């Protein structure tokens, strides 16, 4: 069983790597997830995959950023690599659905949001010591450009704005404290103690 899961994981990783190589060879972005005219392209996927891999290796001691580390089984039948891929795939599906809703609700980024995104990019440029240094760091870490990083910030801002539009205090279907309390009691009533190692 373990061997079969490893073989399948290897084949999936190889397929993803080959699709990325093909995409890089002709400099054309390929859709990984799409709904209608809205899509998450391979460069965006690479960014978030790199981000989550980095996050999990930093905060979870049982995941090491090595070939063997990613093949380590972290729960029954689930390797670290499969776990992170599942997290990223779930996130990408949520993002593409949210972007479609954003389009359907005819929402637009405010000038303030655009300024925040520009400031975030400028902060990264300053941190790395220049635009070319940031570009090199992005290429080295996840093979993306500064424009792709800006796209990431725009998508995250749109998803945040959609959430506020739908469920915020003045949203069209706000979530009340009573609903949150009821959800907590129904979903977490068996948890009495939390242990932090």
N, C-alpha and C. Protein backbone atom coordinates (compact mmCIF):
# COMPACT_ATOMS: atom_id res chain seq x y z
N UNK A 1 0.83 -1.19 0.00
CA UNK A 1 0.00 0.00 0.00
C UNK A 1 0.87 1.26 0.00
N UNK A 2 1.87 1.29 0.91
CA UNK A 2 2.77 2.45 0.97
C UNK A 2 3.48 2.64 -0.37
N UNK A 3 3.91 1.52 -0.96
CA UNK A 3 4.64 1.60 -2.22
C UNK A 3 3.74 2.17 -3.32
N UNK A 4 2.48 1.75 -3.35
CA UNK A 4 1.53 2.25 -4.34
C UNK A 4 1.31 3.75 -4.17
N UNK A 5 1.14 4.20 -2.93
CA UNK A 5 0.94 5.62 -2.65
C UNK A 5 2.18 6.42 -3.08
N UNK A 6 3.36 5.88 -2.81
CA UNK A 6 4.60 6.56 -3.22
C UNK A 6 4.70 6.66 -4.74
N UNK A 7 4.35 5.58 -5.42
CA UNK A 7 4.42 5.58 -6.89
C UNK A 7 3.43 6.60 -7.45
N UNK A 8 2.21 6.62 -6.91
CA UNK A 8 1.21 7.58 -7.38
C UNK A 8 1.66 9.00 -7.09
N UNK A 9 2.19 9.25 -5.88
CA UNK A 9 2.70 10.58 -5.53
C UNK A 9 3.82 11.01 -6.47
N UNK A 10 4.72 10.06 -6.78
CA UNK A 10 5.82 10.37 -7.68
C UNK A 10 5.30 10.72 -9.08
N UNK A 11 4.33 9.95 -9.56
CA UNK A 11 3.77 10.20 -10.90
C UNK A 11 3.08 11.56 -10.94
N UNK A 12 2.32 11.89 -9.88
CA UNK A 12 1.66 13.20 -9.83
C UNK A 12 2.68 14.34 -9.79
N UNK A 13 3.71 14.17 -8.97
CA UNK A 13 4.75 15.20 -8.88
C UNK A 13 5.48 15.35 -10.21
N UNK A 14 5.75 14.23 -10.87
CA UNK A 14 6.41 14.26 -12.17
C UNK A 14 5.53 14.94 -13.21
N UNK A 15 4.23 14.64 -13.19
CA UNK A 15 3.30 15.28 -14.13
C UNK A 15 3.26 16.79 -13.91
N UNK A 16 3.23 17.21 -12.64
CA UNK A 16 3.23 18.64 -12.34
C UNK A 16 4.53 19.27 -12.80
N UNK A 17 5.64 18.62 -12.52
CA UNK A 17 6.95 19.16 -12.93
C UNK A 17 7.05 19.26 -14.44
N UNK A 18 6.58 18.25 -15.16
CA UNK A 18 6.63 18.29 -16.62
C UNK A 18 5.75 19.39 -17.18
N UNK A 19 4.56 19.57 -16.57
CA UNK A 19 3.68 20.64 -17.07
C UNK A 19 4.30 22.01 -16.82
N UNK A 20 5.00 22.15 -15.70
CA UNK A 20 5.68 23.42 -15.40
C UNK A 20 6.82 23.64 -16.38
N UNK A 21 7.60 22.58 -16.66
CA UNK A 21 8.70 22.71 -17.61
C UNK A 21 8.21 23.08 -19.01
N UNK A 22 7.14 22.45 -19.43
CA UNK A 22 6.57 22.77 -20.74
C UNK A 22 6.08 24.21 -20.75
N UNK A 23 5.43 24.62 -19.65
CA UNK A 23 4.93 26.00 -19.57
C UNK A 23 6.08 26.99 -19.61
N UNK A 24 7.18 26.67 -18.93
CA UNK A 24 8.34 27.56 -18.92
C UNK A 24 9.00 27.62 -20.28
N UNK A 25 8.96 26.52 -21.01
CA UNK A 25 9.67 26.48 -22.29
C UNK A 25 9.04 27.40 -23.33
N UNK A 26 7.72 27.60 -23.26
CA UNK A 26 7.12 28.50 -24.24
C UNK A 26 6.60 29.79 -23.61
N UNK A 27 6.94 30.02 -22.35
CA UNK A 27 6.58 31.24 -21.62
C UNK A 27 5.08 31.54 -21.64
N UNK A 28 4.27 30.54 -21.86
CA UNK A 28 2.82 30.73 -21.85
C UNK A 28 2.28 30.15 -20.56
N UNK A 29 1.50 30.96 -19.86
CA UNK A 29 0.91 30.49 -18.61
C UNK A 29 -0.22 29.52 -18.92
N UNK A 30 -0.29 28.48 -18.12
CA UNK A 30 -1.32 27.48 -18.30
C UNK A 30 -2.27 27.51 -17.11
N UNK A 31 -3.55 27.30 -17.38
CA UNK A 31 -4.54 27.25 -16.31
C UNK A 31 -4.40 25.95 -15.54
N UNK A 32 -4.38 26.07 -14.23
CA UNK A 32 -4.39 24.89 -13.37
C UNK A 32 -5.82 24.64 -12.91
N UNK A 33 -6.51 25.70 -12.50
CA UNK A 33 -7.92 25.65 -12.15
C UNK A 33 -8.61 26.82 -12.83
N UNK A 34 -9.82 26.59 -13.34
CA UNK A 34 -10.55 27.69 -13.95
C UNK A 34 -12.05 27.46 -13.84
N UNK A 35 -12.76 28.58 -13.80
CA UNK A 35 -14.22 28.59 -13.88
C UNK A 35 -14.54 29.73 -14.84
N UNK A 36 -15.08 29.39 -16.00
CA UNK A 36 -15.38 30.41 -16.99
C UNK A 36 -14.11 31.16 -17.38
N UNK A 37 -14.17 32.48 -17.26
CA UNK A 37 -13.03 33.30 -17.66
C UNK A 37 -12.01 33.50 -16.53
N UNK A 38 -12.30 32.96 -15.36
CA UNK A 38 -11.44 33.14 -14.19
C UNK A 38 -10.55 31.91 -14.03
N UNK A 39 -9.26 32.15 -13.79
CA UNK A 39 -8.35 31.00 -13.66
C UNK A 39 -7.22 31.27 -12.67
N UNK A 40 -6.67 30.17 -12.18
CA UNK A 40 -5.43 30.17 -11.41
C UNK A 40 -4.42 29.51 -12.35
N UNK A 41 -3.39 30.26 -12.72
CA UNK A 41 -2.39 29.76 -13.66
C UNK A 41 -1.26 29.04 -12.94
N UNK A 42 -0.43 28.36 -13.72
CA UNK A 42 0.64 27.55 -13.13
C UNK A 42 1.63 28.39 -12.32
N UNK A 43 1.89 29.63 -12.73
CA UNK A 43 2.84 30.45 -11.97
C UNK A 43 2.27 30.83 -10.61
N UNK A 44 0.96 31.10 -10.54
CA UNK A 44 0.32 31.38 -9.26
C UNK A 44 0.33 30.13 -8.38
N UNK A 45 0.04 28.99 -9.00
CA UNK A 45 0.05 27.73 -8.27
C UNK A 45 1.44 27.47 -7.68
N UNK A 46 2.49 27.71 -8.50
CA UNK A 46 3.87 27.51 -8.01
C UNK A 46 4.15 28.39 -6.80
N UNK A 47 3.70 29.64 -6.86
CA UNK A 47 3.93 30.54 -5.72
C UNK A 47 3.30 29.97 -4.46
N UNK A 48 2.02 29.61 -4.53
CA UNK A 48 1.35 29.13 -3.32
C UNK A 48 1.89 27.78 -2.87
N UNK A 49 2.29 26.93 -3.81
CA UNK A 49 2.90 25.66 -3.42
C UNK A 49 4.21 25.93 -2.67
N UNK A 50 5.02 26.82 -3.19
CA UNK A 50 6.27 27.19 -2.54
C UNK A 50 6.01 27.81 -1.17
N UNK A 51 5.01 28.68 -1.10
CA UNK A 51 4.67 29.33 0.16
C UNK A 51 4.28 28.31 1.22
N UNK A 52 3.37 27.40 0.87
CA UNK A 52 2.90 26.43 1.86
C UNK A 52 3.98 25.41 2.22
N UNK A 53 4.80 25.03 1.27
CA UNK A 53 5.92 24.13 1.60
C UNK A 53 6.85 24.81 2.60
N UNK A 54 7.15 26.06 2.34
CA UNK A 54 8.01 26.82 3.25
C UNK A 54 7.36 26.96 4.63
N UNK A 55 6.08 27.25 4.64
CA UNK A 55 5.34 27.41 5.90
C UNK A 55 5.39 26.13 6.73
N UNK A 56 5.08 25.01 6.09
CA UNK A 56 5.02 23.75 6.84
C UNK A 56 6.39 23.28 7.30
N UNK A 57 7.43 23.52 6.51
CA UNK A 57 8.76 23.11 6.99
C UNK A 57 9.22 24.01 8.12
N UNK A 58 8.76 25.25 8.14
CA UNK A 58 9.16 26.18 9.20
C UNK A 58 8.44 25.89 10.52
N UNK A 59 7.17 25.56 10.46
CA UNK A 59 6.36 25.46 11.68
C UNK A 59 6.05 24.04 12.13
N UNK A 60 6.35 23.05 11.30
CA UNK A 60 6.09 21.66 11.70
C UNK A 60 7.40 20.89 11.66
N UNK A 61 7.84 20.46 12.82
CA UNK A 61 9.15 19.83 12.93
C UNK A 61 9.20 18.46 12.25
N UNK A 62 8.04 17.84 12.00
CA UNK A 62 8.06 16.52 11.39
C UNK A 62 8.14 16.57 9.85
N UNK A 63 8.19 17.77 9.26
CA UNK A 63 8.33 17.90 7.81
C UNK A 63 9.67 18.55 7.51
N UNK A 64 10.52 17.85 6.76
CA UNK A 64 11.81 18.39 6.35
C UNK A 64 11.79 18.67 4.85
N UNK A 65 12.43 19.75 4.43
CA UNK A 65 12.45 20.12 3.02
C UNK A 65 13.53 19.35 2.26
N UNK A 66 13.34 18.04 2.23
CA UNK A 66 14.22 17.14 1.47
C UNK A 66 13.32 16.16 0.73
N UNK A 67 13.89 15.48 -0.25
CA UNK A 67 13.11 14.49 -0.99
C UNK A 67 12.54 13.43 -0.05
N UNK A 68 13.39 12.96 0.87
CA UNK A 68 12.94 11.96 1.84
C UNK A 68 11.92 12.55 2.81
N UNK A 69 12.16 13.81 3.22
CA UNK A 69 11.25 14.46 4.16
C UNK A 69 9.84 14.58 3.61
N UNK A 70 9.72 14.90 2.31
CA UNK A 70 8.39 15.05 1.71
C UNK A 70 7.70 13.71 1.50
N UNK A 71 8.48 12.61 1.46
CA UNK A 71 7.88 11.29 1.30
C UNK A 71 7.54 10.65 2.65
N UNK A 72 7.89 11.32 3.72
CA UNK A 72 7.59 10.80 5.06
C UNK A 72 6.09 10.76 5.28
N UNK A 73 5.62 9.65 5.83
CA UNK A 73 4.20 9.49 6.12
C UNK A 73 3.89 10.24 7.41
N UNK A 74 3.01 11.23 7.35
CA UNK A 74 2.69 12.02 8.54
C UNK A 74 1.38 11.59 9.19
N UNK A 75 0.58 10.86 8.46
CA UNK A 75 -0.59 10.19 9.01
C UNK A 75 -0.85 8.98 8.13
N UNK A 76 -1.75 8.13 8.52
CA UNK A 76 -1.92 6.86 7.82
C UNK A 76 -2.19 7.06 6.33
N UNK A 77 -1.22 6.64 5.52
CA UNK A 77 -1.36 6.69 4.07
C UNK A 77 -1.16 8.08 3.45
N UNK A 78 -0.77 9.07 4.25
CA UNK A 78 -0.62 10.43 3.73
C UNK A 78 0.81 10.90 3.96
N UNK A 79 1.50 11.19 2.87
CA UNK A 79 2.86 11.73 2.98
C UNK A 79 2.79 13.24 3.20
N UNK A 80 3.88 13.81 3.63
CA UNK A 80 3.95 15.26 3.81
C UNK A 80 3.67 15.96 2.48
N UNK A 81 4.22 15.41 1.39
CA UNK A 81 4.01 16.00 0.07
C UNK A 81 2.54 16.00 -0.32
N UNK A 82 1.86 14.88 -0.11
CA UNK A 82 0.45 14.78 -0.46
C UNK A 82 -0.37 15.74 0.40
N UNK A 83 -0.02 15.84 1.66
CA UNK A 83 -0.75 16.73 2.56
C UNK A 83 -0.66 18.18 2.05
N UNK A 84 0.54 18.63 1.74
CA UNK A 84 0.72 20.01 1.29
C UNK A 84 0.05 20.22 -0.07
N UNK A 85 0.17 19.26 -0.98
CA UNK A 85 -0.50 19.38 -2.28
C UNK A 85 -2.01 19.47 -2.11
N UNK A 86 -2.57 18.68 -1.18
CA UNK A 86 -4.01 18.74 -0.92
C UNK A 86 -4.41 20.10 -0.37
N UNK A 87 -3.60 20.65 0.55
CA UNK A 87 -3.88 21.98 1.11
C UNK A 87 -3.88 23.02 -0.01
N UNK A 88 -2.86 22.98 -0.86
CA UNK A 88 -2.75 23.97 -1.95
C UNK A 88 -3.89 23.80 -2.94
N UNK A 89 -4.20 22.56 -3.32
CA UNK A 89 -5.29 22.33 -4.26
C UNK A 89 -6.62 22.84 -3.71
N UNK A 90 -6.88 22.58 -2.45
CA UNK A 90 -8.11 23.06 -1.82
C UNK A 90 -8.15 24.59 -1.83
N UNK A 91 -7.02 25.20 -1.49
CA UNK A 91 -6.94 26.67 -1.48
C UNK A 91 -7.15 27.24 -2.88
N UNK A 92 -6.56 26.60 -3.89
CA UNK A 92 -6.70 27.11 -5.26
C UNK A 92 -8.14 26.99 -5.76
N UNK A 93 -8.81 25.90 -5.41
CA UNK A 93 -10.23 25.75 -5.78
C UNK A 93 -11.06 26.84 -5.11
N UNK A 94 -10.76 27.12 -3.85
CA UNK A 94 -11.48 28.18 -3.15
C UNK A 94 -11.21 29.53 -3.80
N UNK A 95 -9.96 29.79 -4.15
CA UNK A 95 -9.61 31.07 -4.77
C UNK A 95 -10.31 31.26 -6.11
N UNK A 96 -10.31 30.23 -6.95
CA UNK A 96 -10.92 30.39 -8.27
C UNK A 96 -12.43 30.57 -8.13
N UNK A 97 -13.06 29.88 -7.18
CA UNK A 97 -14.49 30.06 -6.95
C UNK A 97 -14.77 31.47 -6.41
N UNK A 98 -13.93 31.94 -5.49
CA UNK A 98 -14.10 33.28 -4.94
C UNK A 98 -13.91 34.35 -6.01
N UNK A 99 -12.93 34.16 -6.89
CA UNK A 99 -12.71 35.13 -7.96
C UNK A 99 -13.88 35.16 -8.93
N UNK A 100 -14.50 34.01 -9.16
CA UNK A 100 -15.68 33.97 -10.02
C UNK A 100 -16.83 34.73 -9.37
N UNK A 101 -17.03 34.53 -8.08
CA UNK A 101 -18.07 35.27 -7.35
C UNK A 101 -17.77 36.77 -7.35
N UNK A 102 -16.50 37.11 -7.18
CA UNK A 102 -16.07 38.50 -7.20
C UNK A 102 -16.49 39.15 -8.53
N UNK A 103 -16.29 38.41 -9.60
CA UNK A 103 -16.67 38.89 -10.93
C UNK A 103 -18.19 39.01 -11.05
N UNK A 104 -18.92 37.99 -10.56
CA UNK A 104 -20.37 37.98 -10.66
C UNK A 104 -21.02 39.10 -9.84
N UNK A 105 -20.45 39.40 -8.68
CA UNK A 105 -20.97 40.50 -7.86
C UNK A 105 -20.49 41.86 -8.37
N UNK A 106 -19.70 41.86 -9.44
CA UNK A 106 -19.22 43.08 -10.08
C UNK A 106 -18.46 43.98 -9.09
N UNK A 107 -17.61 43.34 -8.28
CA UNK A 107 -16.81 44.09 -7.31
C UNK A 107 -15.56 44.63 -7.97
N UNK A 108 -15.01 45.68 -7.42
CA UNK A 108 -13.77 46.27 -7.94
C UNK A 108 -12.87 46.64 -6.78
N UNK A 109 -11.56 46.52 -7.02
CA UNK A 109 -10.61 46.93 -5.99
C UNK A 109 -10.66 48.43 -5.82
N UNK A 110 -10.67 48.86 -4.59
CA UNK A 110 -10.66 50.29 -4.31
C UNK A 110 -9.27 50.85 -4.57
N UNK A 111 -9.20 52.16 -4.72
CA UNK A 111 -7.89 52.81 -4.88
C UNK A 111 -7.02 52.55 -3.66
N UNK A 112 -7.65 52.50 -2.50
CA UNK A 112 -6.91 52.24 -1.26
C UNK A 112 -6.27 50.85 -1.30
N UNK A 113 -7.02 49.86 -1.78
CA UNK A 113 -6.49 48.50 -1.90
C UNK A 113 -5.32 48.45 -2.87
N UNK A 114 -5.45 49.17 -3.98
CA UNK A 114 -4.36 49.22 -4.96
C UNK A 114 -3.10 49.84 -4.36
N UNK A 115 -3.29 50.89 -3.55
CA UNK A 115 -2.15 51.53 -2.89
C UNK A 115 -1.49 50.59 -1.89
N UNK A 116 -2.30 49.80 -1.19
CA UNK A 116 -1.78 48.83 -0.22
C UNK A 116 -0.94 47.78 -0.95
N UNK A 117 -1.42 47.30 -2.10
CA UNK A 117 -0.69 46.31 -2.89
C UNK A 117 0.63 46.90 -3.40
N UNK A 118 0.56 48.12 -3.93
CA UNK A 118 1.78 48.79 -4.41
C UNK A 118 2.80 48.95 -3.29
N UNK A 119 2.30 49.33 -2.10
CA UNK A 119 3.18 49.52 -0.94
C UNK A 119 3.81 48.19 -0.53
N UNK A 120 3.04 47.09 -0.61
CA UNK A 120 3.58 45.77 -0.25
C UNK A 120 4.69 45.36 -1.21
N UNK A 121 4.49 45.63 -2.49
CA UNK A 121 5.53 45.31 -3.49
C UNK A 121 6.78 46.17 -3.23
N UNK A 122 6.58 47.46 -2.99
CA UNK A 122 7.70 48.36 -2.72
C UNK A 122 8.46 47.94 -1.47
N UNK A 123 7.72 47.47 -0.47
CA UNK A 123 8.35 46.99 0.77
C UNK A 123 9.25 45.78 0.48
N UNK A 124 8.77 44.88 -0.36
CA UNK A 124 9.57 43.71 -0.74
C UNK A 124 10.82 44.13 -1.53
N UNK A 125 10.64 45.08 -2.44
CA UNK A 125 11.78 45.58 -3.22
C UNK A 125 12.82 46.19 -2.30
N UNK A 126 12.36 46.99 -1.34
CA UNK A 126 13.28 47.62 -0.40
C UNK A 126 13.98 46.57 0.46
N UNK A 127 13.22 45.56 0.92
CA UNK A 127 13.78 44.52 1.77
C UNK A 127 14.90 43.76 1.04
N UNK A 128 14.70 43.47 -0.24
CA UNK A 128 15.68 42.71 -1.01
C UNK A 128 16.79 43.58 -1.59
N UNK A 129 16.65 44.90 -1.47
CA UNK A 129 17.71 45.79 -1.94
C UNK A 129 17.61 46.16 -3.40
N UNK A 130 16.42 46.14 -3.95
CA UNK A 130 16.24 46.56 -5.34
C UNK A 130 15.30 45.64 -6.09
N UNK A 131 14.77 46.17 -7.19
CA UNK A 131 13.81 45.43 -8.00
C UNK A 131 14.43 44.16 -8.60
N UNK A 132 15.64 44.27 -9.12
CA UNK A 132 16.26 43.09 -9.75
C UNK A 132 16.61 42.03 -8.70
N UNK A 133 16.99 42.47 -7.49
CA UNK A 133 17.29 41.51 -6.42
C UNK A 133 16.03 40.75 -6.02
N UNK A 134 14.90 41.47 -5.91
CA UNK A 134 13.63 40.79 -5.60
C UNK A 134 13.26 39.84 -6.72
N UNK A 135 13.39 40.30 -7.96
CA UNK A 135 13.08 39.44 -9.11
C UNK A 135 13.91 38.17 -9.11
N UNK A 136 15.21 38.31 -8.81
CA UNK A 136 16.10 37.13 -8.75
C UNK A 136 15.68 36.19 -7.62
N UNK A 137 15.33 36.75 -6.47
CA UNK A 137 14.92 35.93 -5.32
C UNK A 137 13.64 35.16 -5.64
N UNK A 138 12.69 35.82 -6.31
CA UNK A 138 11.44 35.16 -6.67
C UNK A 138 11.68 34.06 -7.71
N UNK A 139 12.55 34.34 -8.67
CA UNK A 139 12.86 33.32 -9.68
C UNK A 139 13.53 32.11 -9.03
N UNK A 140 14.44 32.38 -8.11
CA UNK A 140 15.17 31.30 -7.45
C UNK A 140 14.26 30.47 -6.54
N UNK A 141 13.38 31.14 -5.80
CA UNK A 141 12.56 30.41 -4.83
C UNK A 141 11.38 29.68 -5.45
N UNK A 142 10.70 30.30 -6.42
CA UNK A 142 9.53 29.63 -6.98
C UNK A 142 9.29 29.91 -8.46
N UNK A 143 10.31 30.43 -9.14
CA UNK A 143 10.26 30.64 -10.59
C UNK A 143 9.09 31.51 -11.02
N UNK A 144 8.92 32.64 -10.32
CA UNK A 144 7.89 33.60 -10.69
C UNK A 144 8.51 34.98 -10.83
N UNK A 145 7.73 35.91 -11.37
CA UNK A 145 8.18 37.29 -11.54
C UNK A 145 7.52 38.20 -10.51
N UNK A 146 7.96 39.44 -10.47
CA UNK A 146 7.34 40.43 -9.58
C UNK A 146 5.89 40.66 -9.99
N UNK A 147 5.61 40.61 -11.29
CA UNK A 147 4.22 40.76 -11.75
C UNK A 147 3.33 39.65 -11.19
N UNK A 148 3.86 38.44 -11.12
CA UNK A 148 3.09 37.33 -10.54
C UNK A 148 2.86 37.57 -9.06
N UNK A 149 3.87 38.07 -8.35
CA UNK A 149 3.70 38.38 -6.94
C UNK A 149 2.61 39.44 -6.76
N UNK A 150 2.60 40.42 -7.62
CA UNK A 150 1.55 41.44 -7.56
C UNK A 150 0.18 40.82 -7.80
N UNK A 151 0.10 39.88 -8.74
CA UNK A 151 -1.15 39.16 -9.00
C UNK A 151 -1.61 38.41 -7.76
N UNK A 152 -0.67 37.79 -7.06
CA UNK A 152 -0.98 37.07 -5.82
C UNK A 152 -1.61 38.04 -4.82
N UNK A 153 -1.00 39.20 -4.64
CA UNK A 153 -1.54 40.18 -3.70
C UNK A 153 -2.93 40.66 -4.12
N UNK A 154 -3.14 40.84 -5.42
CA UNK A 154 -4.45 41.27 -5.92
C UNK A 154 -5.50 40.20 -5.63
N UNK A 155 -5.17 38.94 -5.90
CA UNK A 155 -6.11 37.84 -5.65
C UNK A 155 -6.46 37.77 -4.17
N UNK A 156 -5.44 37.83 -3.32
CA UNK A 156 -5.70 37.75 -1.88
C UNK A 156 -6.56 38.92 -1.40
N UNK A 157 -6.34 40.09 -1.95
CA UNK A 157 -7.13 41.28 -1.59
C UNK A 157 -8.57 41.11 -2.07
N UNK A 158 -8.75 40.57 -3.28
CA UNK A 158 -10.10 40.35 -3.80
C UNK A 158 -10.86 39.34 -2.96
N UNK A 159 -10.20 38.26 -2.57
CA UNK A 159 -10.84 37.24 -1.73
C UNK A 159 -11.23 37.85 -0.39
N UNK A 160 -10.36 38.65 0.18
CA UNK A 160 -10.65 39.33 1.44
C UNK A 160 -11.85 40.27 1.26
N UNK A 161 -11.87 41.02 0.17
CA UNK A 161 -12.96 41.96 -0.09
C UNK A 161 -14.28 41.21 -0.30
N UNK A 162 -14.25 40.09 -1.02
CA UNK A 162 -15.45 39.30 -1.24
C UNK A 162 -15.99 38.79 0.09
N UNK A 163 -15.11 38.29 0.95
CA UNK A 163 -15.51 37.79 2.26
C UNK A 163 -16.20 38.90 3.06
N UNK A 164 -15.63 40.08 3.04
CA UNK A 164 -16.21 41.23 3.75
C UNK A 164 -17.55 41.61 3.13
N UNK A 165 -17.64 41.58 1.80
CA UNK A 165 -18.87 41.93 1.09
C UNK A 165 -20.00 40.96 1.45
N UNK A 166 -19.66 39.68 1.56
CA UNK A 166 -20.67 38.67 1.86
C UNK A 166 -20.98 38.55 3.34
N UNK A 167 -19.95 38.47 4.17
CA UNK A 167 -20.14 38.08 5.56
C UNK A 167 -19.71 39.13 6.58
N UNK A 168 -19.22 40.24 6.11
CA UNK A 168 -18.75 41.27 7.03
C UNK A 168 -19.88 41.93 7.80
N UNK A 169 -19.50 42.86 8.66
CA UNK A 169 -20.46 43.54 9.51
C UNK A 169 -21.59 44.18 8.71
N UNK A 170 -21.24 44.77 7.58
CA UNK A 170 -22.25 45.39 6.71
C UNK A 170 -22.43 44.59 5.42
N UNK A 171 -22.09 43.31 5.46
CA UNK A 171 -22.19 42.47 4.28
C UNK A 171 -23.62 42.08 3.97
N UNK A 172 -23.82 41.44 2.82
CA UNK A 172 -25.18 41.09 2.41
C UNK A 172 -25.75 39.90 3.20
N UNK A 173 -24.88 39.07 3.76
CA UNK A 173 -25.33 37.98 4.64
C UNK A 173 -24.37 37.91 5.84
N UNK A 174 -24.41 38.91 6.72
CA UNK A 174 -23.45 38.93 7.82
C UNK A 174 -23.62 37.74 8.76
N UNK A 175 -22.51 37.32 9.33
CA UNK A 175 -22.52 36.25 10.32
C UNK A 175 -22.60 36.90 11.69
N UNK A 176 -23.60 36.51 12.45
CA UNK A 176 -23.80 37.12 13.77
C UNK A 176 -22.98 36.39 14.83
N UNK A 177 -22.82 37.04 15.96
CA UNK A 177 -22.12 36.41 17.09
C UNK A 177 -22.88 35.17 17.55
N UNK A 178 -24.21 35.21 17.50
CA UNK A 178 -25.02 34.06 17.91
C UNK A 178 -24.76 32.87 16.99
N UNK A 179 -24.63 33.12 15.66
CA UNK A 179 -24.34 32.04 14.73
C UNK A 179 -22.96 31.45 14.97
N UNK A 180 -21.99 32.33 15.23
CA UNK A 180 -20.63 31.84 15.52
C UNK A 180 -20.62 31.01 16.79
N UNK A 181 -21.34 31.47 17.82
CA UNK A 181 -21.40 30.76 19.09
C UNK A 181 -22.07 29.40 18.91
N UNK A 182 -23.16 29.36 18.14
CA UNK A 182 -23.87 28.10 17.89
C UNK A 182 -22.98 27.14 17.12
N UNK A 183 -22.27 27.66 16.12
CA UNK A 183 -21.36 26.82 15.33
C UNK A 183 -20.26 26.25 16.23
N UNK A 184 -19.71 27.09 17.09
CA UNK A 184 -18.65 26.64 18.00
C UNK A 184 -19.16 25.52 18.89
N UNK A 185 -20.34 25.71 19.46
CA UNK A 185 -20.89 24.71 20.38
C UNK A 185 -21.19 23.40 19.66
N UNK A 186 -21.71 23.48 18.42
CA UNK A 186 -22.03 22.27 17.67
C UNK A 186 -20.77 21.55 17.19
N UNK A 187 -19.78 22.31 16.78
CA UNK A 187 -18.62 21.71 16.15
C UNK A 187 -17.48 21.38 17.09
N UNK A 188 -17.39 22.10 18.19
CA UNK A 188 -16.22 21.94 19.06
C UNK A 188 -16.60 21.60 20.50
N UNK A 189 -17.81 21.13 20.73
CA UNK A 189 -18.26 20.90 22.09
C UNK A 189 -17.46 19.81 22.80
N UNK A 190 -16.82 18.92 22.05
CA UNK A 190 -16.07 17.84 22.68
C UNK A 190 -14.66 18.26 23.08
N UNK A 191 -14.22 19.42 22.63
CA UNK A 191 -12.87 19.87 22.97
C UNK A 191 -12.94 20.66 24.28
N UNK A 192 -12.27 20.13 25.31
CA UNK A 192 -12.27 20.83 26.58
C UNK A 192 -10.91 21.39 26.92
N UNK A 193 -9.86 20.75 26.40
CA UNK A 193 -8.51 21.18 26.69
C UNK A 193 -7.70 21.23 25.40
N UNK A 194 -6.85 22.21 25.30
CA UNK A 194 -5.91 22.29 24.18
C UNK A 194 -4.51 22.14 24.75
N UNK A 195 -3.72 21.31 24.12
CA UNK A 195 -2.35 21.11 24.57
C UNK A 195 -1.40 21.62 23.51
N UNK A 196 -0.52 22.52 23.89
CA UNK A 196 0.49 23.05 22.97
C UNK A 196 1.84 22.52 23.38
N UNK A 197 2.53 21.87 22.47
CA UNK A 197 3.84 21.31 22.76
C UNK A 197 4.90 22.38 22.51
